Every structure is written in C-alpha cells, then in structure tokens.
Amino acid sequence: RLNRDPSSQFIRYFNHQDKSFSHSGIVLYEHGYPFVYHIINGDENPDQKLRRDSLKQFCNPRRNVSFGIYRYNLSTKETCKLKNIIHEWYAKGLRFDSVFSLQSDDQMYCSEMVCKAVTGASDKRIEIRPIRLSMVEASFLSAYTRLPISYTNNLSIIPLDALYINPYCQLIKKYTY
C-alpha cells in the first residue's frame, strides 16, 4: 500500500523499479476472512509489534492512496508453512527492526518480514535478493532514521518492489483512490 503519510512518500523512493508502494504485508484467510499481517513503526503502531489487521482496515482509503494485491506461486504445502511461520512470529510478538538489519530474525521491517516468510515457506525456492543502498539512498536513510551514515552506507535492504517484481509473483489487482 501507499499511505497518505509523508513518511510513505519518502520510503517508496527506495524502490528501484516501481515506486507505487511503501508498505507490505501478507494476507492470510482465517475463517473465510482476509487479514493482513504486517509490521510497522510510528503512530499507527506504537508497540512496534507484528500486527493483524482486516484487509479493509489495512487498505482504508482515508489513510491510503493506493494498494496492490499480489500472489506468490506457492504450493498448498508451502502456503501452510507460510501460515505457520507468520502465526509463530505473531505469537512471539515480532518487533519492528529500526536499524534495518537483515542479519537477525528477532526484529524485522515489513519487506524483510515478507521476504523471510516466503523464502522460508518455499525452502529457498523463492528468493528475493537484497540491494545495497547507493550513497544517496544511504544518506537519505541516515537522515530519516538518525542512524549513522557509516552504518547506512554499508546497508543492504529488501526494497518493496523486489517483493512483487519477480518471476514468482503475479499481480492480482491494483487499486488507486
């Protein structure tokens, strides 16, 4: 999704091919109803834990400009494994990773969570590769997060567009309000 918040406008520019979105989550159907599991920081999520929101709430037009629905090519077995991974992280209270490190699994940011869940569920059949930040991107991230430039200059991240611009994922529908 792309939120109306100014920080969303900033975050989407870390995407290298498609700057349509700034936040991601995983939709799981539970009792016939779609819920989005996602992790975010800021006013929307003060405890910074993995959230479970209705699709309606996640895509609320009062807070968002647009959203897209994409589907990974997962087998039934992989989908079950994905659900188990997400439910385990939710039960543990997985927290937002404010230093954007791919090295640990106890804290994650949104695209890292989706990447690691899909990669784990598919036993690495589906891999989403991180990118190294350019010097300009590292400078912007340093200013935005107040992390030292010496840290962000050596950082690799999972950009949002890498989640859905790959051969294992297909667009279902894009919505713009």
C-alpha atoms as a PDB file:
ATOM      1  CA  ARG A   1       0.000   0.000   0.000  1.00  0.00           C
ATOM      2  CA  LEU A   2       0.928   3.637  -0.235  1.00  0.00           C
ATOM      3  CA  ASN A   3      -0.104   5.594   2.830  1.00  0.00           C
ATOM      4  CA  ARG A   4      -1.049   9.283   2.787  1.00  0.00           C
ATOM      5  CA  ASP A   5       1.555   9.942   5.494  1.00  0.00           C
ATOM      6  CA  PRO A   6       4.632  11.910   4.289  1.00  0.00           C
ATOM      7  CA  SER A   7       6.962   9.142   5.507  1.00  0.00           C
ATOM      8  CA  SER A   8       5.343   6.768   2.996  1.00  0.00           C
ATOM      9  CA  GLN A   9       6.188   9.159   0.205  1.00  0.00           C
ATOM     10  CA  PHE A  10       9.809   9.059   1.394  1.00  0.00           C
ATOM     11  CA  ILE A  11      10.007   5.264   1.812  1.00  0.00           C
ATOM     12  CA  ARG A  12       8.699   4.437  -1.659  1.00  0.00           C
ATOM     13  CA  TYR A  13      11.722   6.072  -3.268  1.00  0.00           C
ATOM     14  CA  PHE A  14      13.916   3.204  -2.029  1.00  0.00           C
ATOM     15  CA  ASN A  15      12.150   1.025  -4.608  1.00  0.00           C
ATOM     16  CA  HIS A  16      14.301   0.725  -7.709  1.00  0.00           C
ATOM     17  CA  GLN A  17      11.752  -0.192 -10.399  1.00  0.00           C
ATOM     18  CA  ASP A  18       8.228   0.601  -9.180  1.00  0.00           C
ATOM     19  CA  LYS A  19       7.606   3.387  -6.691  1.00  0.00           C
ATOM     20  CA  SER A  20       3.897   2.619  -6.275  1.00  0.00           C
ATOM     21  CA  PHE A  21       4.033   1.325  -2.694  1.00  0.00           C
ATOM     22  CA  SER A  22       5.750   1.969   0.635  1.00  0.00           C
ATOM     23  CA  HIS A  23       4.459  -0.800   2.898  1.00  0.00           C
ATOM     24  CA  SER A  24       3.760  -4.508   2.629  1.00  0.00           C
ATOM     25  CA  GLY A  25       2.140  -7.359   4.470  1.00  0.00           C
ATOM     26  CA  ILE A  26       0.925 -10.892   3.998  1.00  0.00           C
ATOM     27  CA  VAL A  27      -2.775 -11.678   3.582  1.00  0.00           C
ATOM     28  CA  LEU A  28      -3.961 -14.848   5.284  1.00  0.00           C
ATOM     29  CA  TYR A  29      -7.547 -16.045   5.165  1.00  0.00           C
ATOM     30  CA  GLU A  30      -8.856 -17.015   8.574  1.00  0.00           C
ATOM     31  CA  HIS A  31     -12.423 -18.303   8.918  1.00  0.00           C
ATOM     32  CA  GLY A  32     -13.083 -17.064   5.383  1.00  0.00           C
ATOM     33  CA  TYR A  33     -11.963 -13.504   6.077  1.00  0.00           C
ATOM     34  CA  PRO A  34      -8.732 -11.830   4.835  1.00  0.00           C
ATOM     35  CA  PHE A  35      -6.343 -10.467   7.459  1.00  0.00           C
ATOM     36  CA  VAL A  36      -3.106  -8.647   6.725  1.00  0.00           C
ATOM     37  CA  TYR A  37      -0.105  -9.420   8.894  1.00  0.00           C
ATOM     38  CA  HIS A  38       2.337  -6.536   8.748  1.00  0.00           C
ATOM     39  CA  ILE A  39       4.935  -4.788  10.836  1.00  0.00           C
ATOM     40  CA  ILE A  40       5.306  -1.049  11.031  1.00  0.00           C
ATOM     41  CA  ASN A  41       6.536   1.610  13.415  1.00  0.00           C
ATOM     42  CA  GLY A  42       5.268   5.088  14.233  1.00  0.00           C
ATOM     43  CA  ASP A  43       1.914   6.424  15.382  1.00  0.00           C
ATOM     44  CA  GLU A  44      -0.034   3.677  13.647  1.00  0.00           C
ATOM     45  CA  ASN A  45       1.723   1.011  15.719  1.00  0.00           C
ATOM     46  CA  PRO A  46       3.230   2.396  18.957  1.00  0.00           C
ATOM     47  CA  ASP A  47       4.249  -1.028  20.362  1.00  0.00           C
ATOM     48  CA  GLN A  48       6.002  -1.805  17.038  1.00  0.00           C
ATOM     49  CA  LYS A  49       4.828  -5.443  17.067  1.00  0.00           C
ATOM     50  CA  LEU A  50       3.649  -7.549  14.151  1.00  0.00           C
ATOM     51  CA  ARG A  51       0.009  -6.580  13.539  1.00  0.00           C
ATOM     52  CA  ARG A  52      -3.025  -8.448  12.299  1.00  0.00           C
ATOM     53  CA  ASP A  53      -5.485  -6.081  10.647  1.00  0.00           C
ATOM     54  CA  SER A  54      -8.506  -6.688   8.482  1.00  0.00           C
ATOM     55  CA  LEU A  55      -7.874  -6.100   4.798  1.00  0.00           C
ATOM     56  CA  LYS A  56     -10.453  -3.303   4.995  1.00  0.00           C
ATOM     57  CA  GLN A  57      -8.528  -1.560   7.778  1.00  0.00           C
ATOM     58  CA  PHE A  58      -5.138  -2.084   6.100  1.00  0.00           C
ATOM     59  CA  CYS A  59      -6.361  -0.572   2.814  1.00  0.00           C
ATOM     60  CA  ASN A  60      -8.571   2.158   4.302  1.00  0.00           C
ATOM     61  CA  PRO A  61      -8.889   4.971   1.702  1.00  0.00           C
ATOM     62  CA  ARG A  62      -8.825   7.610   4.445  1.00  0.00           C
ATOM     63  CA  ARG A  63      -5.248   6.641   5.246  1.00  0.00           C
ATOM     64  CA  ASN A  64      -4.020   5.322   1.897  1.00  0.00           C
ATOM     65  CA  VAL A  65      -3.583   6.491  -1.677  1.00  0.00           C
ATOM     66  CA  SER A  66      -3.398   3.037  -3.254  1.00  0.00           C
ATOM     67  CA  PHE A  67      -2.777  -0.646  -2.676  1.00  0.00           C
ATOM     68  CA  GLY A  68      -1.987  -3.730  -4.675  1.00  0.00           C
ATOM     69  CA  ILE A  69      -2.675  -7.405  -4.231  1.00  0.00           C
ATOM     70  CA  TYR A  70      -0.062  -9.858  -5.461  1.00  0.00           C
ATOM     71  CA  ARG A  71       0.108 -13.632  -5.154  1.00  0.00           C
ATOM     72  CA  TYR A  72       3.167 -15.828  -4.867  1.00  0.00           C
ATOM     73  CA  ASN A  73       3.259 -19.135  -6.697  1.00  0.00           C
ATOM     74  CA  LEU A  74       3.207 -21.314  -3.579  1.00  0.00           C
ATOM     75  CA  SER A  75       2.091 -24.902  -3.336  1.00  0.00           C
ATOM     76  CA  THR A  76      -0.533 -25.929  -0.772  1.00  0.00           C
ATOM     77  CA  LYS A  77       2.242 -27.296   1.449  1.00  0.00           C
ATOM     78  CA  GLU A  78       4.231 -24.034   1.144  1.00  0.00           C
ATOM     79  CA  THR A  79       1.126 -21.972   1.922  1.00  0.00           C
ATOM     80  CA  CYS A  80       0.564 -23.996   5.111  1.00  0.00           C
ATOM     81  CA  LYS A  81       4.189 -23.464   6.073  1.00  0.00           C
ATOM     82  CA  LEU A  82       3.841 -19.715   5.387  1.00  0.00           C
ATOM     83  CA  LYS A  83       0.812 -19.529   7.684  1.00  0.00           C
ATOM     84  CA  ASN A  84       2.706 -21.364  10.419  1.00  0.00           C
ATOM     85  CA  ILE A  85       5.685 -19.014  10.135  1.00  0.00           C
ATOM     86  CA  ILE A  86       3.505 -15.902  10.319  1.00  0.00           C
ATOM     87  CA  HIS A  87       1.397 -17.223  13.205  1.00  0.00           C
ATOM     88  CA  GLU A  88       4.571 -18.147  15.125  1.00  0.00           C
ATOM     89  CA  TRP A  89       6.031 -14.664  14.648  1.00  0.00           C
ATOM     90  CA  TYR A  90       2.718 -13.085  15.647  1.00  0.00           C
ATOM     91  CA  ALA A  91       2.511 -15.193  18.824  1.00  0.00           C
ATOM     92  CA  LYS A  92       6.097 -14.231  19.713  1.00  0.00           C
ATOM     93  CA  GLY A  93       5.341 -10.540  19.243  1.00  0.00           C
ATOM     94  CA  LEU A  94       7.901  -9.954  16.475  1.00  0.00           C
ATOM     95  CA  ARG A  95       9.021  -6.318  16.645  1.00  0.00           C
ATOM     96  CA  PHE A  96       9.923  -3.702  14.062  1.00  0.00           C
ATOM     97  CA  ASP A  97      13.613  -3.501  13.156  1.00  0.00           C
ATOM     98  CA  SER A  98      14.559   0.164  13.435  1.00  0.00           C
ATOM     99  CA  VAL A  99      18.124  -0.479  12.222  1.00  0.00           C
ATOM    100  CA  PHE A 100      17.007  -2.352   9.072  1.00  0.00           C
ATOM    101  CA  SER A 101      19.399  -5.247   9.590  1.00  0.00           C
ATOM    102  CA  LEU A 102      18.883  -8.420   7.593  1.00  0.00           C
ATOM    103  CA  GLN A 103      21.243 -10.290   9.913  1.00  0.00           C
ATOM    104  CA  SER A 104      18.747 -11.047  12.699  1.00  0.00           C
ATOM    105  CA  ASP A 105      15.328 -12.684  12.759  1.00  0.00           C
ATOM    106  CA  ASP A 106      14.106 -11.351  16.096  1.00  0.00           C
ATOM    107  CA  GLN A 107      13.238  -7.945  14.604  1.00  0.00           C
ATOM    108  CA  MET A 108      12.193  -7.176  11.018  1.00  0.00           C
ATOM    109  CA  TYR A 109      10.848  -4.391   8.848  1.00  0.00           C
ATOM    110  CA  CYS A 110       7.875  -5.023   6.564  1.00  0.00           C
ATOM    111  CA  SER A 111       9.556  -6.104   3.332  1.00  0.00           C
ATOM    112  CA  GLU A 112      12.127  -8.141   5.259  1.00  0.00           C
ATOM    113  CA  MET A 113       9.284  -9.987   7.018  1.00  0.00           C
ATOM    114  CA  VAL A 114       7.536 -10.828   3.740  1.00  0.00           C
ATOM    115  CA  CYS A 115      10.837 -11.862   2.143  1.00  0.00           C
ATOM    116  CA  LYS A 116      11.906 -14.135   5.000  1.00  0.00           C
ATOM    117  CA  ALA A 117       8.443 -15.675   5.350  1.00  0.00           C
ATOM    118  CA  VAL A 118       8.159 -16.521   1.635  1.00  0.00           C
ATOM    119  CA  THR A 119      11.772 -17.709   1.406  1.00  0.00           C
ATOM    120  CA  GLY A 120      11.317 -19.905   4.485  1.00  0.00           C
ATOM    121  CA  ALA A 121       7.958 -21.286   3.378  1.00  0.00           C
ATOM    122  CA  SER A 122       9.356 -22.244  -0.026  1.00  0.00           C
ATOM    123  CA  ASP A 123      12.578 -23.707   1.418  1.00  0.00           C
ATOM    124  CA  LYS A 124      14.502 -21.047  -0.558  1.00  0.00           C
ATOM    125  CA  ARG A 125      12.840 -21.983  -3.843  1.00  0.00           C
ATOM    126  CA  ILE A 126      11.698 -18.375  -3.934  1.00  0.00           C
ATOM    127  CA  GLU A 127      14.475 -15.948  -3.161  1.00  0.00           C
ATOM    128  CA  ILE A 128      14.131 -12.202  -3.012  1.00  0.00           C
ATOM    129  CA  ARG A 129      17.508 -10.581  -3.224  1.00  0.00           C
ATOM    130  CA  PRO A 130      18.531  -7.574  -1.155  1.00  0.00           C
ATOM    131  CA  ILE A 131      20.058  -4.499  -2.733  1.00  0.00           C
ATOM    132  CA  ARG A 132      22.912  -2.392  -1.463  1.00  0.00           C
ATOM    133  CA  LEU A 133      21.940   1.221  -0.840  1.00  0.00           C
ATOM    134  CA  SER A 134      23.516   3.838  -3.063  1.00  0.00           C
ATOM    135  CA  MET A 135      25.388   6.656  -1.347  1.00  0.00           C
ATOM    136  CA  VAL A 136      22.422   8.981  -1.909  1.00  0.00           C
ATOM    137  CA  GLU A 137      19.952   6.414  -0.523  1.00  0.00           C
ATOM    138  CA  ALA A 138      22.236   5.757   2.459  1.00  0.00           C
ATOM    139  CA  SER A 139      22.393   9.500   3.159  1.00  0.00           C
ATOM    140  CA  PHE A 140      18.609   9.855   2.995  1.00  0.00           C
ATOM    141  CA  LEU A 141      18.067   6.822   5.217  1.00  0.00           C
ATOM    142  CA  SER A 142      20.616   8.124   7.703  1.00  0.00           C
ATOM    143  CA  ALA A 143      18.837  11.480   7.909  1.00  0.00           C
ATOM    144  CA  TYR A 144      15.388   9.856   8.155  1.00  0.00           C
ATOM    145  CA  THR A 145      16.282   7.246  10.777  1.00  0.00           C
ATOM    146  CA  ARG A 146      19.084   9.123  12.538  1.00  0.00           C
ATOM    147  CA  LEU A 147      21.327   6.106  12.052  1.00  0.00           C
ATOM    148  CA  PRO A 148      24.990   6.940  11.419  1.00  0.00           C
ATOM    149  CA  ILE A 149      25.932   7.335   7.763  1.00  0.00           C
ATOM    150  CA  SER A 150      28.816   4.936   8.390  1.00  0.00           C
ATOM    151  CA  TYR A 151      26.148   2.300   9.164  1.00  0.00           C
ATOM    152  CA  THR A 152      23.643   3.053   6.385  1.00  0.00           C
ATOM    153  CA  ASN A 153      26.440   3.338   3.817  1.00  0.00           C
ATOM    154  CA  ASN A 154      27.105  -0.403   4.235  1.00  0.00           C
ATOM    155  CA  LEU A 155      23.466  -1.457   4.448  1.00  0.00           C
ATOM    156  CA  SER A 156      21.619  -3.895   2.218  1.00  0.00           C
ATOM    157  CA  ILE A 157      17.830  -3.824   2.280  1.00  0.00           C
ATOM    158  CA  ILE A 158      14.857  -5.597   0.716  1.00  0.00           C
ATOM    159  CA  PRO A 159      13.123  -2.901  -1.337  1.00  0.00           C
ATOM    160  CA  LEU A 160       9.367  -3.267  -1.521  1.00  0.00           C
ATOM    161  CA  ASP A 161       9.237  -3.620  -5.287  1.00  0.00           C
ATOM    162  CA  ALA A 162      11.576  -6.644  -5.126  1.00  0.00           C
ATOM    163  CA  LEU A 163       8.736  -8.466  -3.361  1.00  0.00           C
ATOM    164  CA  TYR A 164       6.395  -8.253  -6.330  1.00  0.00           C
ATOM    165  CA  ILE A 165       8.605  -7.658  -9.355  1.00  0.00           C
ATOM    166  CA  ASN A 166       9.952 -11.165  -9.668  1.00  0.00           C
ATOM    167  CA  PRO A 167       9.023 -14.307 -11.593  1.00  0.00           C
ATOM    168  CA  TYR A 168       7.420 -15.977  -8.551  1.00  0.00           C
ATOM    169  CA  CYS A 169       4.764 -13.316  -8.013  1.00  0.00           C
ATOM    170  CA  GLN A 170       1.811 -12.140 -10.042  1.00  0.00           C
ATOM    171  CA  LEU A 171      -0.388  -9.075  -9.862  1.00  0.00           C
ATOM    172  CA  ILE A 172      -3.993  -9.769  -8.896  1.00  0.00           C
ATOM    173  CA  LYS A 173      -5.256  -6.176  -8.745  1.00  0.00           C
ATOM    174  CA  LYS A 174      -4.034  -2.605  -8.167  1.00  0.00           C
ATOM    175  CA  TYR A 175      -6.330  -0.011  -6.625  1.00  0.00           C
ATOM    176  CA  THR A 176      -5.906   3.757  -6.595  1.00  0.00           C
ATOM    177  CA  TYR A 177      -8.246   6.020  -4.641  1.00  0.00           C
END
